[in-house]
Amino acid sequence: MTKETERKILELLQHYPESASAIMPALDLAQRANENYLPPAEVKQVANLLKMPESQAYGVATYYTLYHT
């Protein structure tokens, strides 16, 4: 994950009362930064930034068809 994408995700967190609430837009930012592909390593980094279990982030990423894992 680039520093720019990480910065955008951290900035996004300011708009949500709980960090886990930002999972979908954070995954979207990570996917857009990877040419519309969301690799497992990016999902893990998003989970770490949001301080949530990796399995929960991966569950969201694989459940919704808008994410290309």
PDB file of N, CA and C in Angstrom:
ATOM      1  N   MET A   1       0.843  -1.174   0.000  1.00  0.00           N
ATOM      2  CA  MET A   1       0.000   0.000   0.000  1.00  0.00           C
ATOM      3  C   MET A   1       0.892   1.241   0.000  1.00  0.00           C
ATOM      4  N   THR A   2       0.527   2.178  -0.843  1.00  0.00           N
ATOM      5  CA  THR A   2       1.313   3.397  -0.908  1.00  0.00           C
ATOM      6  C   THR A   2       1.027   4.288   0.308  1.00  0.00           C
ATOM      7  N   LYS A   3       1.935   5.168   0.577  1.00  0.00           N
ATOM      8  CA  LYS A   3       1.745   6.119   1.678  1.00  0.00           C
ATOM      9  C   LYS A   3       0.535   7.017   1.412  1.00  0.00           C
ATOM     10  N   GLU A   4       0.317   7.341   0.147  1.00  0.00           N
ATOM     11  CA  GLU A   4      -0.821   8.184  -0.227  1.00  0.00           C
ATOM     12  C   GLU A   4      -2.150   7.489   0.083  1.00  0.00           C
ATOM     13  N   THR A   5      -2.250   6.212  -0.252  1.00  0.00           N
ATOM     14  CA  THR A   5      -3.472   5.459   0.037  1.00  0.00           C
ATOM     15  C   THR A   5      -3.666   5.324   1.540  1.00  0.00           C
ATOM     16  N   GLU A   6      -2.579   5.062   2.233  1.00  0.00           N
ATOM     17  CA  GLU A   6      -2.650   4.961   3.699  1.00  0.00           C
ATOM     18  C   GLU A   6      -3.120   6.281   4.308  1.00  0.00           C
ATOM     19  N   ARG A   7      -2.604   7.378   3.799  1.00  0.00           N
ATOM     20  CA  ARG A   7      -3.003   8.698   4.292  1.00  0.00           C
ATOM     21  C   ARG A   7      -4.490   8.945   4.054  1.00  0.00           C
ATOM     22  N   LYS A   8      -4.970   8.573   2.872  1.00  0.00           N
ATOM     23  CA  LYS A   8      -6.379   8.765   2.543  1.00  0.00           C
ATOM     24  C   LYS A   8      -7.280   7.925   3.465  1.00  0.00           C
ATOM     25  N   ILE A   9      -6.861   6.714   3.764  1.00  0.00           N
ATOM     26  CA  ILE A   9      -7.659   5.861   4.656  1.00  0.00           C
ATOM     27  C   ILE A   9      -7.670   6.441   6.061  1.00  0.00           C
ATOM     28  N   LEU A  10      -6.537   6.896   6.527  1.00  0.00           N
ATOM     29  CA  LEU A  10      -6.486   7.493   7.867  1.00  0.00           C
ATOM     30  C   LEU A  10      -7.323   8.769   7.930  1.00  0.00           C
ATOM     31  N   GLU A  11      -7.326   9.529   6.859  1.00  0.00           N
ATOM     32  CA  GLU A  11      -8.148  10.734   6.787  1.00  0.00           C
ATOM     33  C   GLU A  11      -9.638  10.364   6.778  1.00  0.00           C
ATOM     34  N   LEU A  12      -9.959   9.304   6.084  1.00  0.00           N
ATOM     35  CA  LEU A  12     -11.332   8.816   6.014  1.00  0.00           C
ATOM     36  C   LEU A  12     -11.874   8.450   7.400  1.00  0.00           C
ATOM     37  N   LEU A  13     -11.015   7.940   8.255  1.00  0.00           N
ATOM     38  CA  LEU A  13     -11.424   7.527   9.598  1.00  0.00           C
ATOM     39  C   LEU A  13     -12.010   8.673  10.417  1.00  0.00           C
ATOM     40  N   GLN A  14     -11.646   9.887  10.075  1.00  0.00           N
ATOM     41  CA  GLN A  14     -12.140  11.045  10.810  1.00  0.00           C
ATOM     42  C   GLN A  14     -13.648  11.251  10.634  1.00  0.00           C
ATOM     43  N   HIS A  15     -14.210  10.613   9.615  1.00  0.00           N
ATOM     44  CA  HIS A  15     -15.627  10.798   9.300  1.00  0.00           C
ATOM     45  C   HIS A  15     -16.530   9.715   9.897  1.00  0.00           C
ATOM     46  N   TYR A  16     -15.956   8.792  10.638  1.00  0.00           N
ATOM     47  CA  TYR A  16     -16.715   7.671  11.189  1.00  0.00           C
ATOM     48  C   TYR A  16     -16.526   7.588  12.702  1.00  0.00           C
ATOM     49  N   PRO A  17     -17.597   7.273  13.427  1.00  0.00           N
ATOM     50  CA  PRO A  17     -17.494   7.198  14.888  1.00  0.00           C
ATOM     51  C   PRO A  17     -16.646   6.014  15.359  1.00  0.00           C
ATOM     52  N   GLU A  18     -16.660   4.932  14.594  1.00  0.00           N
ATOM     53  CA  GLU A  18     -15.840   3.753  14.898  1.00  0.00           C
ATOM     54  C   GLU A  18     -15.048   3.398  13.652  1.00  0.00           C
ATOM     55  N   SER A  19     -13.805   3.000  13.826  1.00  0.00           N
ATOM     56  CA  SER A  19     -12.956   2.735  12.670  1.00  0.00           C
ATOM     57  C   SER A  19     -13.506   1.606  11.794  1.00  0.00           C
ATOM     58  N   ALA A  20     -14.132   0.604  12.391  1.00  0.00           N
ATOM     59  CA  ALA A  20     -14.663  -0.513  11.612  1.00  0.00           C
ATOM     60  C   ALA A  20     -15.760  -0.060  10.641  1.00  0.00           C
ATOM     61  N   SER A  21     -16.401   1.043  10.941  1.00  0.00           N
ATOM     62  CA  SER A  21     -17.454   1.571  10.061  1.00  0.00           C
ATOM     63  C   SER A  21     -16.892   2.036   8.719  1.00  0.00           C
ATOM     64  N   ALA A  22     -15.614   2.266   8.655  1.00  0.00           N
ATOM     65  CA  ALA A  22     -14.976   2.758   7.433  1.00  0.00           C
ATOM     66  C   ALA A  22     -14.462   1.637   6.539  1.00  0.00           C
ATOM     67  N   ILE A  23     -14.802   0.394   6.842  1.00  0.00           N
ATOM     68  CA  ILE A  23     -14.221  -0.732   6.110  1.00  0.00           C
ATOM     69  C   ILE A  23     -14.523  -0.681   4.607  1.00  0.00           C
ATOM     70  N   MET A  24     -15.756  -0.427   4.226  1.00  0.00           N
ATOM     71  CA  MET A  24     -16.089  -0.453   2.797  1.00  0.00           C
ATOM     72  C   MET A  24     -15.404   0.663   2.003  1.00  0.00           C
ATOM     73  N   PRO A  25     -15.465   1.910   2.446  1.00  0.00           N
ATOM     74  CA  PRO A  25     -14.746   2.934   1.676  1.00  0.00           C
ATOM     75  C   PRO A  25     -13.218   2.748   1.725  1.00  0.00           C
ATOM     76  N   ALA A  26     -12.705   2.201   2.814  1.00  0.00           N
ATOM     77  CA  ALA A  26     -11.264   1.961   2.899  1.00  0.00           C
ATOM     78  C   ALA A  26     -10.837   0.873   1.917  1.00  0.00           C
ATOM     79  N   LEU A  27     -11.623  -0.191   1.824  1.00  0.00           N
ATOM     80  CA  LEU A  27     -11.320  -1.242   0.850  1.00  0.00           C
ATOM     81  C   LEU A  27     -11.428  -0.703  -0.573  1.00  0.00           C
ATOM     82  N   ASP A  28     -12.393   0.171  -0.809  1.00  0.00           N
ATOM     83  CA  ASP A  28     -12.545   0.778  -2.125  1.00  0.00           C
ATOM     84  C   ASP A  28     -11.315   1.603  -2.493  1.00  0.00           C
ATOM     85  N   LEU A  29     -10.825   2.383  -1.560  1.00  0.00           N
ATOM     86  CA  LEU A  29      -9.609   3.175  -1.828  1.00  0.00           C
ATOM     87  C   LEU A  29      -8.426   2.270  -2.139  1.00  0.00           C
ATOM     88  N   ALA A  30      -8.289   1.193  -1.372  1.00  0.00           N
ATOM     89  CA  ALA A  30      -7.178   0.262  -1.597  1.00  0.00           C
ATOM     90  C   ALA A  30      -7.303  -0.400  -2.968  1.00  0.00           C
ATOM     91  N   GLN A  31      -8.517  -0.764  -3.343  1.00  0.00           N
ATOM     92  CA  GLN A  31      -8.730  -1.396  -4.642  1.00  0.00           C
ATOM     93  C   GLN A  31      -8.438  -0.424  -5.782  1.00  0.00           C
ATOM     94  N   ARG A  32      -8.901   0.807  -5.665  1.00  0.00           N
ATOM     95  CA  ARG A  32      -8.652   1.809  -6.719  1.00  0.00           C
ATOM     96  C   ARG A  32      -7.153   2.064  -6.900  1.00  0.00           C
ATOM     97  N   ALA A  33      -6.391   1.974  -5.829  1.00  0.00           N
ATOM     98  CA  ALA A  33      -4.946   2.198  -5.898  1.00  0.00           C
ATOM     99  C   ALA A  33      -4.212   1.022  -6.548  1.00  0.00           C
ATOM    100  N   ASN A  34      -4.920  -0.106  -6.726  1.00  0.00           N
ATOM    101  CA  ASN A  34      -4.320  -1.303  -7.310  1.00  0.00           C
ATOM    102  C   ASN A  34      -4.979  -1.696  -8.631  1.00  0.00           C
ATOM    103  N   GLU A  35      -5.349  -0.712  -9.414  1.00  0.00           N
ATOM    104  CA  GLU A  35      -5.927  -0.952 -10.735  1.00  0.00           C
ATOM    105  C   GLU A  35      -7.136  -1.880 -10.675  1.00  0.00           C
ATOM    106  N   ASN A  36      -8.040  -1.585  -9.751  1.00  0.00           N
ATOM    107  CA  ASN A  36      -9.309  -2.300  -9.592  1.00  0.00           C
ATOM    108  C   ASN A  36      -9.129  -3.758  -9.156  1.00  0.00           C
ATOM    109  N   TYR A  37      -8.074  -4.026  -8.397  1.00  0.00           N
ATOM    110  CA  TYR A  37      -7.837  -5.358  -7.840  1.00  0.00           C
ATOM    111  C   TYR A  37      -7.503  -5.179  -6.369  1.00  0.00           C
ATOM    112  N   LEU A  38      -8.027  -6.056  -5.532  1.00  0.00           N
ATOM    113  CA  LEU A  38      -7.809  -5.961  -4.095  1.00  0.00           C
ATOM    114  C   LEU A  38      -7.088  -7.213  -3.605  1.00  0.00           C
ATOM    115  N   PRO A  39      -5.756  -7.185  -3.587  1.00  0.00           N
ATOM    116  CA  PRO A  39      -5.003  -8.361  -3.154  1.00  0.00           C
ATOM    117  C   PRO A  39      -5.135  -8.587  -1.640  1.00  0.00           C
ATOM    118  N   PRO A  40      -4.977  -9.830  -1.200  1.00  0.00           N
ATOM    119  CA  PRO A  40      -5.081 -10.142   0.229  1.00  0.00           C
ATOM    120  C   PRO A  40      -4.155  -9.304   1.112  1.00  0.00           C
ATOM    121  N   ALA A  41      -2.989  -8.961   0.607  1.00  0.00           N
ATOM    122  CA  ALA A  41      -2.054  -8.145   1.398  1.00  0.00           C
ATOM    123  C   ALA A  41      -2.639  -6.761   1.679  1.00  0.00           C
ATOM    124  N   GLU A  42      -3.392  -6.225   0.722  1.00  0.00           N
ATOM    125  CA  GLU A  42      -4.024  -4.919   0.920  1.00  0.00           C
ATOM    126  C   GLU A  42      -5.156  -5.012   1.938  1.00  0.00           C
ATOM    127  N   VAL A  43      -5.909  -6.105   1.879  1.00  0.00           N
ATOM    128  CA  VAL A  43      -6.994  -6.307   2.849  1.00  0.00           C
ATOM    129  C   VAL A  43      -6.405  -6.359   4.259  1.00  0.00           C
ATOM    130  N   LYS A  44      -5.288  -7.040   4.397  1.00  0.00           N
ATOM    131  CA  LYS A  44      -4.620  -7.137   5.701  1.00  0.00           C
ATOM    132  C   LYS A  44      -4.171  -5.762   6.182  1.00  0.00           C
ATOM    133  N   GLN A  45      -3.609  -4.964   5.293  1.00  0.00           N
ATOM    134  CA  GLN A  45      -3.157  -3.634   5.683  1.00  0.00           C
ATOM    135  C   GLN A  45      -4.333  -2.736   6.070  1.00  0.00           C
ATOM    136  N   VAL A  46      -5.431  -2.852   5.342  1.00  0.00           N
ATOM    137  CA  VAL A  46      -6.626  -2.074   5.693  1.00  0.00           C
ATOM    138  C   VAL A  46      -7.105  -2.485   7.079  1.00  0.00           C
ATOM    139  N   ALA A  47      -7.158  -3.782   7.334  1.00  0.00           N
ATOM    140  CA  ALA A  47      -7.582  -4.272   8.651  1.00  0.00           C
ATOM    141  C   ALA A  47      -6.688  -3.721   9.750  1.00  0.00           C
ATOM    142  N   ASN A  48      -5.395  -3.698   9.511  1.00  0.00           N
ATOM    143  CA  ASN A  48      -4.462  -3.165  10.512  1.00  0.00           C
ATOM    144  C   ASN A  48      -4.687  -1.675  10.751  1.00  0.00           C
ATOM    145  N   LEU A  49      -4.912  -0.926   9.685  1.00  0.00           N
ATOM    146  CA  LEU A  49      -5.159   0.508   9.834  1.00  0.00           C
ATOM    147  C   LEU A  49      -6.448   0.779  10.596  1.00  0.00           C
ATOM    148  N   LEU A  50      -7.454  -0.064  10.385  1.00  0.00           N
ATOM    149  CA  LEU A  50      -8.739   0.123  11.045  1.00  0.00           C
ATOM    150  C   LEU A  50      -8.808  -0.561  12.414  1.00  0.00           C
ATOM    151  N   LYS A  51      -7.714  -1.234  12.771  1.00  0.00           N
ATOM    152  CA  LYS A  51      -7.631  -1.933  14.065  1.00  0.00           C
ATOM    153  C   LYS A  51      -8.792  -2.926  14.229  1.00  0.00           C
ATOM    154  N   MET A  52      -8.945  -3.760  13.204  1.00  0.00           N
ATOM    155  CA  MET A  52      -9.994  -4.770  13.228  1.00  0.00           C
ATOM    156  C   MET A  52      -9.390  -6.101  12.799  1.00  0.00           C
ATOM    157  N   PRO A  53     -10.033  -7.210  13.132  1.00  0.00           N
ATOM    158  CA  PRO A  53      -9.487  -8.510  12.739  1.00  0.00           C
ATOM    159  C   PRO A  53      -9.394  -8.636  11.214  1.00  0.00           C
ATOM    160  N   GLU A  54      -8.314  -9.228  10.775  1.00  0.00           N
ATOM    161  CA  GLU A  54      -8.113  -9.430   9.343  1.00  0.00           C
ATOM    162  C   GLU A  54      -9.242 -10.279   8.755  1.00  0.00           C
ATOM    163  N   SER A  55      -9.708 -11.253   9.508  1.00  0.00           N
ATOM    164  CA  SER A  55     -10.775 -12.123   9.018  1.00  0.00           C
ATOM    165  C   SER A  55     -12.059 -11.348   8.761  1.00  0.00           C
ATOM    166  N   GLN A  56     -12.335 -10.355   9.561  1.00  0.00           N
ATOM    167  CA  GLN A  56     -13.531  -9.531   9.373  1.00  0.00           C
ATOM    168  C   GLN A  56     -13.407  -8.694   8.096  1.00  0.00           C
ATOM    169  N   ALA A  57     -12.240  -8.100   7.888  1.00  0.00           N
ATOM    170  CA  ALA A  57     -12.018  -7.305   6.678  1.00  0.00           C
ATOM    171  C   ALA A  57     -12.073  -8.195   5.441  1.00  0.00           C
ATOM    172  N   TYR A  58     -11.480  -9.382   5.526  1.00  0.00           N
ATOM    173  CA  TYR A  58     -11.490 -10.298   4.396  1.00  0.00           C
ATOM    174  C   TYR A  58     -12.916 -10.777   4.109  1.00  0.00           C
ATOM    175  N   GLY A  59     -13.703 -10.963   5.154  1.00  0.00           N
ATOM    176  CA  GLY A  59     -15.099 -11.348   4.984  1.00  0.00           C
ATOM    177  C   GLY A  59     -15.885 -10.314   4.202  1.00  0.00           C
ATOM    178  N   VAL A  60     -15.667  -9.054   4.500  1.00  0.00           N
ATOM    179  CA  VAL A  60     -16.333  -7.973   3.766  1.00  0.00           C
ATOM    180  C   VAL A  60     -15.844  -7.947   2.320  1.00  0.00           C
ATOM    181  N   ALA A  61     -14.547  -8.062   2.140  1.00  0.00           N
ATOM    182  CA  ALA A  61     -13.953  -7.986   0.799  1.00  0.00           C
ATOM    183  C   ALA A  61     -14.427  -9.120  -0.102  1.00  0.00           C
ATOM    184  N   THR A  62     -14.673 -10.289   0.456  1.00  0.00           N
ATOM    185  CA  THR A  62     -15.092 -11.426  -0.369  1.00  0.00           C
ATOM    186  C   THR A  62     -16.611 -11.545  -0.477  1.00  0.00           C
ATOM    187  N   TYR A  63     -17.341 -10.940   0.419  1.00  0.00           N
ATOM    188  CA  TYR A  63     -18.796 -11.021   0.366  1.00  0.00           C
ATOM    189  C   TYR A  63     -19.381 -10.133  -0.725  1.00  0.00           C
ATOM    190  N   TYR A  64     -18.914  -8.912  -0.804  1.00  0.00           N
ATOM    191  CA  TYR A  64     -19.459  -7.952  -1.761  1.00  0.00           C
ATOM    192  C   TYR A  64     -18.787  -8.097  -3.120  1.00  0.00           C
ATOM    193  N   THR A  65     -19.609  -8.134  -4.173  1.00  0.00           N
ATOM    194  CA  THR A  65     -19.075  -8.338  -5.520  1.00  0.00           C
ATOM    195  C   THR A  65     -18.379  -7.105  -6.093  1.00  0.00           C
ATOM    196  N   LEU A  66     -18.488  -5.979  -5.423  1.00  0.00           N
ATOM    197  CA  LEU A  66     -17.809  -4.791  -5.937  1.00  0.00           C
ATOM    198  C   LEU A  66     -16.294  -4.818  -5.665  1.00  0.00           C
ATOM    199  N   TYR A  67     -15.860  -5.747  -4.811  1.00  0.00           N
ATOM    200  CA  TYR A  67     -14.425  -5.890  -4.552  1.00  0.00           C
ATOM    201  C   TYR A  67     -13.891  -7.064  -5.377  1.00  0.00           C
ATOM    202  N   HIS A  68     -12.790  -6.851  -6.027  1.00  0.00           N
ATOM    203  CA  HIS A  68     -12.191  -7.863  -6.904  1.00  0.00           C
ATOM    204  C   HIS A  68     -10.952  -8.452  -6.220  1.00  0.00           C
ATOM    205  N   THR A  69     -11.179  -9.506  -5.457  1.00  0.00           N
ATOM    206  CA  THR A  69     -10.087 -10.159  -4.723  1.00  0.00           C
ATOM    207  C   THR A  69      -9.520 -11.305  -5.494  1.00  0.00           C
TER     208      THR A  69
END
